[in-house]
Amino acid sequence: MSDWALIIYCGIITYFTRFSMIAILKKEMFNNRLREVLSYVPSAIFPAIIFPAIFLDDLGTFQFEDNPKILAAAIAMIIGILSRNIIATIISGLTSYWFIIFVV
């Protein structure tokens, strides 16, 4: 099997496994308590995705010294809290990260 065929096959399988849960499960099937519990899932998953990207280096060790990602994340967090705008948060985080890397 060629590489492209394998990539397309894996994409189709992934799409249908995720789509099947959306298509099969209906909102009426969940009671209010389960909906409330599931509403916390995105806020629980997000830090697990972001933490390694900011604090871990390529070898998987904590990198606190000379880490521009920490300062850029702090700037983005402050902008996000003050502006309540996701686009402003993303742009400020990326801009500050690139400024620290390329200028400072």
N, C-alpha and C. Protein backbone atom coordinates (compact mmCIF):
# COMPACT_ATOMS: atom_id res chain seq x y z
N MET A 1 0.85 -1.17 0.00
CA MET A 1 0.00 0.00 0.00
C MET A 1 0.90 1.24 0.00
N SER A 2 0.58 2.20 -0.83
CA SER A 2 1.40 3.40 -0.90
C SER A 2 1.15 4.29 0.32
N ASP A 3 2.03 5.24 0.51
CA ASP A 3 1.91 6.12 1.67
C ASP A 3 0.64 6.96 1.60
N TRP A 4 0.33 7.48 0.41
CA TRP A 4 -0.86 8.31 0.27
C TRP A 4 -2.13 7.50 0.49
N ALA A 5 -2.17 6.30 0.00
CA ALA A 5 -3.35 5.46 0.21
C ALA A 5 -3.53 5.16 1.70
N LEU A 6 -2.43 4.92 2.39
CA LEU A 6 -2.51 4.66 3.83
C LEU A 6 -2.99 5.90 4.58
N ILE A 7 -2.51 7.07 4.21
CA ILE A 7 -2.94 8.30 4.87
C ILE A 7 -4.42 8.54 4.63
N ILE A 8 -4.88 8.35 3.41
CA ILE A 8 -6.30 8.53 3.09
C ILE A 8 -7.16 7.51 3.82
N TYR A 9 -6.71 6.27 3.86
CA TYR A 9 -7.44 5.21 4.58
C TYR A 9 -7.55 5.55 6.06
N CYS A 10 -6.46 5.96 6.68
CA CYS A 10 -6.49 6.31 8.10
C CYS A 10 -7.40 7.51 8.35
N GLY A 11 -7.38 8.48 7.44
CA GLY A 11 -8.26 9.64 7.57
C GLY A 11 -9.72 9.26 7.50
N ILE A 12 -10.06 8.37 6.58
CA ILE A 12 -11.45 7.92 6.44
C ILE A 12 -11.90 7.17 7.70
N ILE A 13 -11.07 6.28 8.19
CA ILE A 13 -11.41 5.53 9.41
C ILE A 13 -11.59 6.47 10.59
N THR A 14 -10.69 7.44 10.75
CA THR A 14 -10.79 8.39 11.85
C THR A 14 -12.06 9.23 11.72
N TYR A 15 -12.35 9.67 10.51
CA TYR A 15 -13.55 10.49 10.29
C TYR A 15 -14.81 9.71 10.67
N PHE A 16 -14.93 8.48 10.21
CA PHE A 16 -16.15 7.72 10.48
C PHE A 16 -16.27 7.31 11.94
N THR A 17 -15.18 7.05 12.62
CA THR A 17 -15.30 6.73 14.05
C THR A 17 -15.76 7.93 14.85
N ARG A 18 -15.29 9.11 14.50
CA ARG A 18 -15.73 10.31 15.22
C ARG A 18 -17.14 10.72 14.80
N PHE A 19 -17.44 10.61 13.53
CA PHE A 19 -18.77 10.99 13.04
C PHE A 19 -19.84 10.06 13.59
N SER A 20 -19.51 8.79 13.77
CA SER A 20 -20.51 7.85 14.27
C SER A 20 -20.97 8.23 15.67
N MET A 21 -20.09 8.73 16.51
CA MET A 21 -20.50 9.14 17.85
C MET A 21 -21.39 10.37 17.80
N ILE A 22 -21.13 11.26 16.87
CA ILE A 22 -21.96 12.45 16.73
C ILE A 22 -23.33 12.07 16.17
N ALA A 23 -23.34 11.18 15.21
CA ALA A 23 -24.60 10.81 14.56
C ALA A 23 -25.46 9.92 15.44
N ILE A 24 -24.85 9.03 16.19
CA ILE A 24 -25.62 8.07 16.99
C ILE A 24 -26.16 8.72 18.27
N LEU A 25 -25.31 9.47 18.96
CA LEU A 25 -25.73 10.06 20.23
C LEU A 25 -26.58 11.30 19.98
N LYS A 26 -27.68 11.36 20.67
CA LYS A 26 -28.57 12.51 20.55
C LYS A 26 -28.57 13.26 21.88
N LYS A 27 -28.83 14.55 21.81
CA LYS A 27 -28.80 15.37 23.02
C LYS A 27 -29.88 14.94 24.01
N GLU A 28 -30.96 14.40 23.51
CA GLU A 28 -32.05 13.98 24.40
C GLU A 28 -31.66 12.77 25.25
N MET A 29 -30.61 12.05 24.84
CA MET A 29 -30.20 10.86 25.58
C MET A 29 -29.51 11.21 26.90
N PHE A 30 -29.00 12.43 27.01
CA PHE A 30 -28.26 12.82 28.21
C PHE A 30 -29.17 13.55 29.19
N ASN A 31 -29.01 13.20 30.45
CA ASN A 31 -29.75 13.95 31.45
C ASN A 31 -28.97 15.23 31.80
N ASN A 32 -29.56 16.08 32.60
CA ASN A 32 -28.93 17.36 32.90
C ASN A 32 -27.61 17.21 33.65
N ARG A 33 -27.52 16.23 34.52
CA ARG A 33 -26.29 16.02 35.30
C ARG A 33 -25.14 15.62 34.38
N LEU A 34 -25.40 14.73 33.44
CA LEU A 34 -24.36 14.30 32.51
C LEU A 34 -23.94 15.45 31.59
N ARG A 35 -24.88 16.24 31.17
CA ARG A 35 -24.53 17.42 30.35
C ARG A 35 -23.65 18.38 31.12
N GLU A 36 -23.95 18.56 32.38
CA GLU A 36 -23.13 19.46 33.22
C GLU A 36 -21.71 18.93 33.37
N VAL A 37 -21.58 17.64 33.60
CA VAL A 37 -20.26 17.03 33.74
C VAL A 37 -19.49 17.13 32.42
N LEU A 38 -20.13 16.85 31.31
CA LEU A 38 -19.47 16.91 30.01
C LEU A 38 -19.11 18.34 29.60
N SER A 39 -19.74 19.32 30.17
CA SER A 39 -19.40 20.70 29.83
C SER A 39 -18.01 21.08 30.33
N TYR A 40 -17.47 20.34 31.30
CA TYR A 40 -16.13 20.62 31.83
C TYR A 40 -15.02 19.92 31.05
N VAL A 41 -15.35 19.07 30.12
CA VAL A 41 -14.34 18.32 29.38
C VAL A 41 -13.39 19.22 28.59
N PRO A 42 -13.86 20.21 27.82
CA PRO A 42 -12.90 21.04 27.08
C PRO A 42 -11.92 21.78 27.99
N SER A 43 -12.38 22.30 29.11
CA SER A 43 -11.47 23.01 30.00
C SER A 43 -10.53 22.07 30.74
N ALA A 44 -10.84 20.80 30.79
CA ALA A 44 -9.93 19.84 31.40
C ALA A 44 -8.89 19.33 30.40
N ILE A 45 -9.26 19.25 29.15
CA ILE A 45 -8.36 18.75 28.11
C ILE A 45 -7.38 19.82 27.66
N PHE A 46 -7.81 21.07 27.58
CA PHE A 46 -6.98 22.14 27.05
C PHE A 46 -5.64 22.29 27.79
N PRO A 47 -5.61 22.33 29.12
CA PRO A 47 -4.30 22.42 29.79
C PRO A 47 -3.39 21.22 29.54
N ALA A 48 -3.98 20.05 29.37
CA ALA A 48 -3.17 18.87 29.09
C ALA A 48 -2.50 18.95 27.72
N ILE A 49 -3.10 19.67 26.80
CA ILE A 49 -2.50 19.86 25.48
C ILE A 49 -1.47 20.98 25.51
N ILE A 50 -1.77 22.07 26.21
CA ILE A 50 -0.92 23.26 26.19
C ILE A 50 0.32 23.10 27.07
N PHE A 51 0.20 22.48 28.24
CA PHE A 51 1.32 22.40 29.19
C PHE A 51 2.59 21.80 28.58
N PRO A 52 2.52 20.65 27.94
CA PRO A 52 3.77 20.10 27.37
C PRO A 52 4.37 20.98 26.28
N ALA A 53 3.53 21.65 25.50
CA ALA A 53 4.04 22.50 24.43
C ALA A 53 4.80 23.70 24.98
N ILE A 54 4.44 24.16 26.15
CA ILE A 54 5.10 25.34 26.72
C ILE A 54 6.29 24.95 27.59
N PHE A 55 6.13 23.98 28.45
CA PHE A 55 7.13 23.72 29.48
C PHE A 55 8.11 22.60 29.18
N LEU A 56 7.85 21.76 28.20
CA LEU A 56 8.75 20.64 27.92
C LEU A 56 9.57 20.92 26.66
N ASP A 57 10.83 20.49 26.68
CA ASP A 57 11.65 20.65 25.49
C ASP A 57 11.55 19.39 24.62
N ASP A 58 12.41 19.29 23.63
CA ASP A 58 12.34 18.16 22.69
C ASP A 58 12.61 16.82 23.35
N LEU A 59 13.35 16.83 24.45
CA LEU A 59 13.68 15.58 25.13
C LEU A 59 12.67 15.19 26.20
N GLY A 60 11.70 16.07 26.45
CA GLY A 60 10.68 15.77 27.45
C GLY A 60 11.02 16.22 28.84
N THR A 61 12.05 17.03 29.01
CA THR A 61 12.42 17.55 30.33
C THR A 61 11.87 18.96 30.49
N PHE A 62 11.65 19.33 31.75
CA PHE A 62 11.15 20.68 32.02
C PHE A 62 12.21 21.70 31.67
N GLN A 63 11.79 22.74 31.01
CA GLN A 63 12.71 23.80 30.62
C GLN A 63 12.15 25.12 31.14
N PHE A 64 12.71 25.61 32.26
CA PHE A 64 12.24 26.85 32.86
C PHE A 64 13.15 28.02 32.53
N GLU A 65 14.43 27.78 32.41
CA GLU A 65 15.39 28.85 32.14
C GLU A 65 15.47 29.09 30.64
N ASP A 66 15.53 30.34 30.27
CA ASP A 66 15.65 30.73 28.87
C ASP A 66 14.58 30.09 27.99
N ASN A 67 13.36 30.09 28.46
CA ASN A 67 12.25 29.53 27.70
C ASN A 67 11.33 30.66 27.27
N PRO A 68 11.40 31.06 25.99
CA PRO A 68 10.56 32.18 25.54
C PRO A 68 9.07 31.84 25.51
N LYS A 69 8.75 30.56 25.50
CA LYS A 69 7.34 30.15 25.44
C LYS A 69 6.60 30.53 26.72
N ILE A 70 7.28 30.49 27.85
CA ILE A 70 6.63 30.82 29.12
C ILE A 70 6.24 32.29 29.15
N LEU A 71 7.16 33.17 28.75
CA LEU A 71 6.86 34.59 28.73
C LEU A 71 5.78 34.91 27.70
N ALA A 72 5.84 34.30 26.54
CA ALA A 72 4.82 34.53 25.52
C ALA A 72 3.45 34.02 25.99
N ALA A 73 3.42 32.91 26.68
CA ALA A 73 2.15 32.38 27.21
C ALA A 73 1.60 33.30 28.28
N ALA A 74 2.47 33.87 29.11
CA ALA A 74 2.01 34.81 30.14
C ALA A 74 1.44 36.07 29.51
N ILE A 75 2.11 36.58 28.48
CA ILE A 75 1.60 37.77 27.78
C ILE A 75 0.26 37.47 27.13
N ALA A 76 0.15 36.33 26.47
CA ALA A 76 -1.11 35.95 25.83
C ALA A 76 -2.21 35.77 26.86
N MET A 77 -1.88 35.22 28.02
CA MET A 77 -2.88 35.02 29.06
C MET A 77 -3.39 36.37 29.58
N ILE A 78 -2.48 37.32 29.79
CA ILE A 78 -2.90 38.64 30.26
C ILE A 78 -3.78 39.33 29.22
N ILE A 79 -3.37 39.28 27.95
CA ILE A 79 -4.17 39.88 26.89
C ILE A 79 -5.54 39.19 26.80
N GLY A 80 -5.56 37.88 26.95
CA GLY A 80 -6.82 37.15 26.90
C GLY A 80 -7.76 37.52 28.03
N ILE A 81 -7.21 37.70 29.21
CA ILE A 81 -8.05 38.07 30.36
C ILE A 81 -8.59 39.49 30.19
N LEU A 82 -7.73 40.39 29.73
CA LEU A 82 -8.15 41.79 29.60
C LEU A 82 -9.08 42.01 28.41
N SER A 83 -8.82 41.37 27.29
CA SER A 83 -9.60 41.65 26.09
C SER A 83 -10.80 40.72 25.91
N ARG A 84 -10.73 39.52 26.45
CA ARG A 84 -11.78 38.50 26.26
C ARG A 84 -12.01 38.23 24.78
N ASN A 85 -10.92 38.28 23.99
CA ASN A 85 -11.00 38.09 22.55
C ASN A 85 -9.97 37.04 22.15
N ILE A 86 -10.42 35.95 21.56
CA ILE A 86 -9.52 34.85 21.23
C ILE A 86 -8.53 35.22 20.14
N ILE A 87 -8.96 36.03 19.17
CA ILE A 87 -8.06 36.44 18.09
C ILE A 87 -6.94 37.32 18.64
N ALA A 88 -7.29 38.27 19.51
CA ALA A 88 -6.27 39.13 20.13
C ALA A 88 -5.31 38.31 20.98
N THR A 89 -5.81 37.28 21.64
CA THR A 89 -4.96 36.43 22.46
C THR A 89 -3.97 35.65 21.59
N ILE A 90 -4.46 35.07 20.51
CA ILE A 90 -3.58 34.30 19.62
C ILE A 90 -2.54 35.19 18.97
N ILE A 91 -2.96 36.34 18.47
CA ILE A 91 -2.02 37.24 17.80
C ILE A 91 -0.99 37.78 18.79
N SER A 92 -1.41 38.14 19.99
CA SER A 92 -0.45 38.65 20.97
C SER A 92 0.53 37.56 21.41
N GLY A 93 0.05 36.35 21.56
CA GLY A 93 0.95 35.25 21.94
C GLY A 93 1.97 34.95 20.86
N LEU A 94 1.51 34.85 19.63
CA LEU A 94 2.44 34.58 18.53
C LEU A 94 3.42 35.73 18.31
N THR A 95 2.90 36.95 18.34
CA THR A 95 3.77 38.11 18.13
C THR A 95 4.82 38.23 19.22
N SER A 96 4.42 38.06 20.46
CA SER A 96 5.39 38.15 21.55
C SER A 96 6.40 37.00 21.49
N TYR A 97 5.96 35.81 21.12
CA TYR A 97 6.89 34.68 21.00
C TYR A 97 7.91 34.93 19.89
N TRP A 98 7.44 35.38 18.74
CA TRP A 98 8.36 35.65 17.63
C TRP A 98 9.29 36.81 17.96
N PHE A 99 8.77 37.83 18.65
CA PHE A 99 9.61 38.96 19.04
C PHE A 99 10.72 38.50 19.97
N ILE A 100 10.37 37.66 20.94
CA ILE A 100 11.38 37.18 21.90
C ILE A 100 12.42 36.32 21.19
N ILE A 101 12.00 35.50 20.27
CA ILE A 101 12.93 34.60 19.58
C ILE A 101 13.85 35.37 18.63
N PHE A 102 13.28 36.23 17.80
CA PHE A 102 14.05 36.84 16.73
C PHE A 102 14.70 38.17 17.07
N VAL A 103 14.16 38.91 18.03
CA VAL A 103 14.68 40.23 18.34
C VAL A 103 15.50 40.24 19.61
N VAL A 104 14.97 39.65 20.65
CA VAL A 104 15.64 39.72 21.96
C VAL A 104 16.76 38.77 22.06
